[in-house]
């Protein structure tokens, strides 16, 4: 099962997702997409604009990353919950720096 991941290297929450993927090496098959690359940004926006999963993120001025797209094509922002559902380890890392939302409060 391959999941698609949309994120950005400067996103603090994306750092925890990257660490979680590394902690589950060999158990998680993924395609990484960096939204600072125009092709990946375009693919992400197509998903973000079409899915109600992002309604709250859009309303709150958030980008909506990290976002995972499961093997069945479902976008999810609750990647931690998804990892736990799969029996995968969730690793948290603390990264200082600006958050991804307009007001700087979250991703």
Protein backbone atom coordinates (compact mmCIF):
# COMPACT_ATOMS: atom_id res chain seq x y z
CA UNK A 1 0.00 0.00 0.00
CA UNK A 2 1.48 3.35 -1.08
CA UNK A 3 0.38 6.63 0.41
CA UNK A 4 1.01 10.01 -1.16
CA UNK A 5 2.29 12.73 1.12
CA UNK A 6 2.02 16.45 0.42
CA UNK A 7 4.10 18.75 2.57
CA UNK A 8 6.89 21.29 2.71
CA UNK A 9 10.37 21.11 4.29
CA UNK A 10 9.71 24.22 6.43
CA UNK A 11 6.42 22.90 7.86
CA UNK A 12 6.87 21.94 11.55
CA UNK A 13 4.15 19.27 11.44
CA UNK A 14 5.67 17.76 8.30
CA UNK A 15 8.85 17.11 10.31
CA UNK A 16 6.93 14.78 12.64
CA UNK A 17 5.42 12.98 9.66
CA UNK A 18 8.89 12.52 8.12
CA UNK A 19 10.21 11.18 11.44
CA UNK A 20 7.26 8.81 11.68
CA UNK A 21 7.91 7.48 8.18
CA UNK A 22 11.55 6.85 9.08
CA UNK A 23 10.50 5.13 12.33
CA UNK A 24 8.36 2.75 10.27
CA UNK A 25 10.95 2.06 7.58
CA UNK A 26 9.93 -0.88 5.48
CA UNK A 27 6.32 -0.75 6.70
CA UNK A 28 5.24 2.48 5.00
CA UNK A 29 5.43 2.85 1.24
CA UNK A 30 5.05 6.45 0.19
CA UNK A 31 5.46 9.03 -2.54
CA UNK A 32 6.62 12.40 -1.23
CA UNK A 33 5.40 15.61 -2.84
CA UNK A 34 6.97 18.97 -1.92
CA UNK A 35 4.41 21.71 -2.53
CA UNK A 36 7.19 24.21 -3.22
CA UNK A 37 7.56 22.41 -6.56
CA UNK A 38 4.95 23.73 -8.99
CA UNK A 39 3.90 20.32 -10.32
CA UNK A 40 3.37 19.02 -6.76
CA UNK A 41 1.62 22.24 -5.73
CA UNK A 42 -0.76 21.90 -8.67
CA UNK A 43 -1.58 18.29 -7.73
CA UNK A 44 -2.11 19.29 -4.08
CA UNK A 45 -4.39 22.20 -4.97
CA UNK A 46 -6.52 19.95 -7.16
CA UNK A 47 -7.07 17.69 -4.15
CA UNK A 48 -7.49 20.57 -1.67
CA UNK A 49 -9.99 22.45 -3.82
CA UNK A 50 -12.18 19.39 -4.39
CA UNK A 51 -12.28 17.78 -0.95
CA UNK A 52 -14.44 18.77 2.01
CA UNK A 53 -11.68 17.36 4.24
CA UNK A 54 -10.03 20.76 3.81
CA UNK A 55 -13.08 22.90 4.67
CA UNK A 56 -11.86 23.76 8.18
CA UNK A 57 -8.29 24.36 6.97
CA UNK A 58 -9.49 26.78 4.31
CA UNK A 59 -11.82 28.53 6.77
CA UNK A 60 -9.00 28.94 9.31
CA UNK A 61 -6.46 30.20 6.77
CA UNK A 62 -4.38 27.04 6.92
CA UNK A 63 -2.63 25.38 4.01
CA UNK A 64 -3.72 21.86 4.90
CA UNK A 65 -0.34 20.16 5.13
CA UNK A 66 0.83 17.66 5.81
CA UNK A 67 -1.77 15.82 3.84
CA UNK A 68 -1.72 12.15 3.08
CA UNK A 69 -3.69 10.50 0.32
CA UNK A 70 -4.38 6.88 1.15
CA UNK A 71 -4.19 4.02 -1.33
CA UNK A 72 -7.93 4.34 -1.98
CA UNK A 73 -7.49 8.01 -2.97
CA UNK A 74 -8.90 9.53 0.23
CA UNK A 75 -7.13 12.69 1.43
CA UNK A 76 -6.55 12.92 5.17
CA UNK A 77 -5.17 15.62 7.40
CA UNK A 78 -5.27 13.38 10.49
CA UNK A 79 -2.15 11.48 9.52
CA UNK A 80 -1.38 10.55 13.14
CA UNK A 81 -4.74 8.82 13.50
CA UNK A 82 -4.24 7.06 10.16
CA UNK A 83 -0.80 5.79 11.21
CA UNK A 84 -2.24 4.47 14.48
CA UNK A 85 -5.09 2.77 12.58
CA UNK A 86 -2.46 0.98 10.48
CA UNK A 87 -0.48 -0.07 13.57
CA UNK A 88 2.40 2.24 12.67
CA UNK A 89 4.46 4.22 15.14
CA UNK A 90 3.93 7.98 15.42
CA UNK A 91 7.05 9.96 16.25
CA UNK A 92 6.84 13.57 17.38
CA UNK A 93 9.66 16.01 16.85
CA UNK A 94 9.80 19.59 18.01
CA UNK A 95 10.83 22.04 15.34
CA UNK A 96 10.98 25.74 16.02
CA UNK A 97 9.98 28.13 13.33
CA UNK A 98 6.90 29.66 11.80
CA UNK A 99 3.76 27.62 11.41
CA UNK A 100 1.92 27.25 8.13
CA UNK A 101 -1.28 29.13 8.91
CA UNK A 102 -1.83 32.80 8.16
CA UNK A 103 -1.89 33.71 11.86
CA UNK A 104 1.14 31.55 12.64
CA UNK A 105 -0.77 29.25 15.00
CA UNK A 106 -0.70 25.93 13.16
CA UNK A 107 -0.29 24.07 9.92
